Amino acid sequence: MKLILALMVGVVFIYGTTYSQPCITTVHANSESIKKGNSGQRNGSNDKYWVCNGGSLILTGDQNYVYVDRGGVLSLSGDSNYVYARFHSVDTTILTIAGNFNFVDVDRRIVQAGNYTDNGTSTTKKNCDPMSFDYSVAPAGGCDFWLGLEGVTVVKAAKIYPSPASDILYLVFPKEEIGEYSIQIYDLMGKLVFSDRGNQSSSQIEIDVSSLPTGTYAVRMESGNVLINEQIIVQR
């Protein structure tokens, strides 16, 4: 009887339930990039798509992988697809889910009313806190905001120094952008080696990198309208 009850609870938890967990995923290099100014309708199966920066995709196929970020718009009516979507305060990422047995991971931090619609059957939705994409493997064609491990800074006044760094790394950004922030550091194999998030009261953040081995790393930081994706070197 206890075993049957446990199984029933497990089924209820998986279907029709949302929950929070850290979610980090790699954006596949062989995915099709649909970005600003582009839109498309696809009905294929077993493909990968990256929808970002104002691009929009209507997808009716099955068993695809879709990554949505930076104001991407996805309308999904196929079955058994995997969707990973980040919502950000400066963007309008929009998901409309239909179809059957789709799997959706979303960043729960900035999911505004009307940005997520689920008309599907047996959608398995996970609220991720935080949702983080590993852009060290970027899709062909890239995105306006991301260039693999090359440096990208949306607000030019933001900076990260020193490089090489030995013990402490400094991230500096405008005072008007002070607030909630998130930081991730990846090695060149795409492994997350440092993660932090919080509320900052000053325009400078210090990161202790003394425990990181000598090498090259990708640093990704967000705060307000600041987005930094820079390559740094740790050296002693």
Protein backbone atom coordinates (compact mmCIF):
# COMPACT_ATOMS: atom_id res chain seq x y z
CA MET A 1 0.00 0.00 0.00
CA LYS A 2 2.83 2.41 0.90
CA LEU A 3 4.58 1.63 -2.39
CA ILE A 4 1.42 2.34 -4.41
CA LEU A 5 0.91 5.63 -2.54
CA ALA A 6 4.51 6.69 -3.19
CA LEU A 7 4.13 5.97 -6.90
CA MET A 8 0.91 7.98 -7.04
CA VAL A 9 2.59 10.94 -5.34
CA GLY A 10 5.46 10.70 -7.82
CA VAL A 11 3.07 10.82 -10.78
CA VAL A 12 1.26 13.87 -9.35
CA PHE A 13 4.62 15.61 -8.82
CA ILE A 14 5.83 15.06 -12.38
CA TYR A 15 2.67 15.98 -14.27
CA GLY A 16 0.87 19.27 -13.75
CA THR A 17 3.34 20.51 -11.13
CA THR A 18 5.88 23.33 -11.23
CA TYR A 19 8.95 23.49 -9.03
CA SER A 20 12.19 25.41 -8.75
CA GLN A 21 15.72 24.16 -9.38
CA PRO A 22 19.00 25.54 -10.74
CA CYS A 23 19.09 24.97 -14.53
CA ILE A 24 22.16 25.26 -16.74
CA THR A 25 22.16 24.08 -20.32
CA THR A 26 24.47 24.21 -23.34
CA VAL A 27 23.24 25.92 -26.49
CA HIS A 28 24.14 23.52 -29.28
CA ALA A 29 26.59 24.65 -31.97
CA ASN A 30 24.58 22.94 -34.71
CA SER A 31 21.31 24.69 -33.88
CA GLU A 32 19.68 27.01 -36.39
CA SER A 33 19.92 30.64 -35.30
CA ILE A 34 16.72 32.72 -35.64
CA LYS A 35 17.49 36.24 -34.48
CA LYS A 36 16.47 39.88 -34.84
CA GLY A 37 14.55 40.62 -38.03
CA ASN A 38 14.05 36.93 -38.81
CA SER A 39 11.02 34.74 -38.39
CA GLY A 40 10.25 31.26 -39.49
CA GLN A 41 7.84 28.34 -39.47
CA ARG A 42 9.26 24.85 -39.08
CA ASN A 43 7.57 21.44 -39.03
CA GLY A 44 10.63 19.20 -38.88
CA SER A 45 11.53 16.82 -36.06
CA ASN A 46 14.72 16.11 -34.11
CA ASP A 47 16.20 19.54 -34.88
CA LYS A 48 17.69 22.30 -32.70
CA TYR A 49 16.79 26.01 -32.78
CA TRP A 50 18.11 29.13 -31.06
CA VAL A 51 15.60 32.00 -31.02
CA CYS A 52 16.97 35.30 -29.74
CA ASN A 53 16.92 39.11 -29.82
CA GLY A 54 13.52 39.65 -31.42
CA GLY A 55 13.51 36.58 -33.67
CA SER A 56 10.32 34.50 -33.79
CA LEU A 57 9.63 30.85 -34.54
CA ILE A 58 6.42 28.91 -35.17
CA LEU A 59 7.22 25.25 -34.56
CA THR A 60 4.80 22.42 -35.35
CA GLY A 61 7.28 19.53 -35.38
CA ASP A 62 8.06 16.96 -32.69
CA GLN A 63 11.05 16.10 -30.49
CA ASN A 64 13.00 19.30 -31.17
CA TYR A 65 15.26 21.28 -28.83
CA VAL A 66 14.55 25.03 -28.67
CA TYR A 67 16.57 27.66 -26.78
CA VAL A 68 14.81 31.04 -26.36
CA ASP A 69 16.66 34.09 -25.04
CA ARG A 70 16.91 37.88 -25.25
CA GLY A 71 13.45 38.72 -26.56
CA GLY A 72 12.86 35.60 -28.64
CA VAL A 73 9.27 34.61 -29.45
CA LEU A 74 8.23 30.95 -29.72
CA SER A 75 4.85 29.51 -30.68
CA LEU A 76 4.96 25.74 -30.21
CA SER A 77 2.22 23.30 -31.24
CA GLY A 78 4.24 20.10 -31.78
CA ASP A 79 4.66 17.20 -29.36
CA SER A 80 7.47 16.01 -27.07
CA ASN A 81 9.69 19.06 -27.60
CA TYR A 82 12.25 20.39 -25.14
CA VAL A 83 12.18 24.17 -24.57
CA TYR A 84 14.67 26.19 -22.52
CA ALA A 85 13.81 29.89 -22.11
CA ARG A 86 15.34 32.83 -20.27
CA PHE A 87 13.30 35.89 -19.32
CA HIS A 88 15.08 39.19 -18.66
CA SER A 89 13.87 42.59 -17.49
CA VAL A 90 15.07 44.40 -20.62
CA ASP A 91 13.60 41.90 -23.08
CA THR A 92 10.19 40.53 -24.01
CA THR A 93 10.68 36.81 -24.34
CA ILE A 94 7.33 35.19 -25.15
CA LEU A 95 6.36 31.51 -25.07
CA THR A 96 3.06 30.07 -26.28
CA ILE A 97 2.88 26.32 -25.69
CA ALA A 98 0.37 23.90 -27.20
CA GLY A 99 0.69 20.28 -28.32
CA ASN A 100 1.21 17.24 -26.12
CA PHE A 101 3.84 16.14 -23.59
CA ASN A 102 6.24 19.04 -24.10
CA PHE A 103 9.03 19.78 -21.59
CA VAL A 104 9.62 23.44 -20.71
CA ASP A 105 12.34 24.93 -18.48
CA VAL A 106 11.95 28.66 -17.77
CA ASP A 107 13.81 31.22 -15.70
CA ARG A 108 11.22 32.11 -13.07
CA ARG A 109 12.83 35.42 -12.05
CA ILE A 110 11.19 37.71 -14.63
CA VAL A 111 8.26 35.77 -16.06
CA GLN A 112 5.75 38.56 -16.61
CA ALA A 113 2.02 38.02 -16.93
CA GLY A 114 1.24 37.27 -20.56
CA ASN A 115 4.79 36.21 -21.44
CA TYR A 116 4.03 32.52 -20.90
CA THR A 117 0.89 30.77 -22.13
CA ASP A 118 0.32 27.03 -21.77
CA ASN A 119 -2.57 25.57 -23.76
CA GLY A 120 -0.88 22.20 -24.09
CA THR A 121 -1.72 18.76 -22.78
CA SER A 122 0.51 17.30 -20.03
CA THR A 123 3.20 19.99 -20.27
CA THR A 124 6.04 19.35 -17.82
CA LYS A 125 7.23 22.81 -16.72
CA LYS A 126 10.21 23.49 -14.51
CA ASN A 127 10.85 26.87 -12.90
CA CYS A 128 14.61 27.38 -12.86
CA ASP A 129 16.32 29.70 -10.44
CA PRO A 130 18.45 30.86 -12.08
CA MET A 131 18.35 29.73 -15.70
CA SER A 132 21.84 29.96 -17.19
CA PHE A 133 22.91 29.15 -20.76
CA ASP A 134 26.46 28.08 -21.57
CA TYR A 135 27.31 30.12 -24.68
CA SER A 136 30.80 28.67 -25.11
CA VAL A 137 29.17 26.50 -27.78
CA ALA A 138 27.26 29.01 -29.88
CA PRO A 139 25.08 28.17 -32.90
CA ALA A 140 26.11 28.93 -36.43
CA GLY A 141 25.22 32.53 -37.23
CA GLY A 142 25.39 33.53 -33.58
CA CYS A 143 23.19 36.13 -31.93
CA ASP A 144 23.53 39.90 -31.75
CA PHE A 145 24.21 39.67 -28.02
CA TRP A 146 26.59 36.71 -27.99
CA LEU A 147 29.78 35.78 -29.83
CA GLY A 148 30.86 32.55 -28.19
CA LEU A 149 33.73 33.39 -25.81
CA GLU A 150 34.46 36.75 -27.41
CA GLY A 151 33.82 39.78 -25.23
CA VAL A 152 30.37 41.33 -25.24
CA THR A 153 29.42 44.30 -23.07
CA VAL A 154 26.00 45.89 -23.58
CA VAL A 155 26.81 48.90 -21.38
CA LYS A 156 30.22 50.23 -22.47
CA ALA A 157 30.89 51.79 -19.08
CA ALA A 158 30.95 48.33 -17.51
CA LYS A 159 34.32 46.65 -17.23
CA ILE A 160 36.02 43.63 -15.75
CA TYR A 161 39.65 43.65 -14.57
CA PRO A 162 42.46 42.70 -14.13
CA SER A 163 43.33 40.10 -16.74
CA PRO A 164 45.47 38.22 -15.98
CA ALA A 165 44.07 37.99 -12.45
CA SER A 166 45.70 36.13 -9.59
CA ASP A 167 43.43 36.45 -6.56
CA ILE A 168 40.65 39.03 -6.97
CA LEU A 169 38.58 39.90 -10.05
CA TYR A 170 36.66 43.20 -10.15
CA LEU A 171 33.42 43.88 -12.06
CA VAL A 172 32.51 47.56 -12.27
CA PHE A 173 29.33 49.02 -13.78
CA PRO A 174 27.33 52.30 -13.65
CA LYS A 175 25.70 53.30 -10.36
CA GLU A 176 22.27 53.47 -12.00
CA GLU A 177 22.52 49.73 -12.74
CA ILE A 178 23.05 48.71 -9.10
CA GLY A 179 20.66 46.00 -7.95
CA GLU A 180 20.11 42.30 -8.43
CA TYR A 181 22.98 40.58 -10.22
CA SER A 182 24.05 37.11 -11.32
CA ILE A 183 27.57 35.92 -12.16
CA GLN A 184 28.81 32.67 -13.68
CA ILE A 185 32.36 31.64 -14.58
CA TYR A 186 32.99 28.75 -16.99
CA ASP A 187 36.19 26.99 -17.98
CA LEU A 188 36.94 26.37 -21.66
CA MET A 189 35.28 22.94 -21.48
CA GLY A 190 31.99 24.66 -20.61
CA LYS A 191 32.05 23.55 -16.96
CA LEU A 192 30.57 25.97 -14.44
CA VAL A 193 33.31 26.67 -11.86
CA PHE A 194 31.78 29.66 -10.04
CA SER A 195 28.26 31.01 -9.56
CA ASP A 196 26.87 33.82 -7.45
CA ARG A 197 23.79 36.04 -7.34
CA GLY A 198 22.51 38.65 -4.97
CA ASN A 199 21.67 42.32 -4.46
CA GLN A 200 24.55 44.75 -4.83
CA SER A 201 24.69 48.09 -2.95
CA SER A 202 27.75 49.44 -4.77
CA SER A 203 28.86 49.59 -8.41
CA GLN A 204 31.76 47.18 -7.88
CA ILE A 205 31.71 43.44 -7.27
CA GLU A 206 34.75 41.50 -6.09
CA ILE A 207 35.19 37.84 -7.03
CA ASP A 208 37.73 35.61 -5.32
CA VAL A 209 39.41 33.53 -8.05
CA SER A 210 42.32 32.35 -5.91
CA SER A 211 41.01 28.78 -5.90
CA LEU A 212 40.76 28.56 -9.72
CA PRO A 213 43.62 26.85 -11.56
CA THR A 214 45.70 28.89 -13.98
CA GLY A 215 43.90 29.11 -17.32
CA THR A 216 41.36 30.94 -19.48
CA TYR A 217 37.75 31.40 -18.36
CA ALA A 218 34.50 32.94 -19.60
CA VAL A 219 32.84 35.36 -17.17
CA ARG A 220 29.16 36.15 -17.57
CA MET A 221 27.46 38.83 -15.47
CA GLU A 222 24.02 40.51 -15.54
CA SER A 223 22.73 43.44 -13.50
CA GLY A 224 19.93 45.70 -14.71
CA ASN A 225 20.78 46.64 -18.29
CA VAL A 226 24.38 45.47 -17.90
CA LEU A 227 25.39 42.30 -19.67
CA ILE A 228 29.03 41.22 -19.66
CA ASN A 229 30.35 38.10 -21.37
CA GLU A 230 34.14 38.38 -21.29
CA GLN A 231 37.13 36.09 -21.50
CA ILE A 232 39.66 36.45 -18.68
CA ILE A 233 42.91 34.73 -17.71
CA VAL A 234 43.83 33.47 -14.24
CA GLN A 235 47.60 33.42 -13.81
CA ARG A 236 50.05 33.16 -10.89
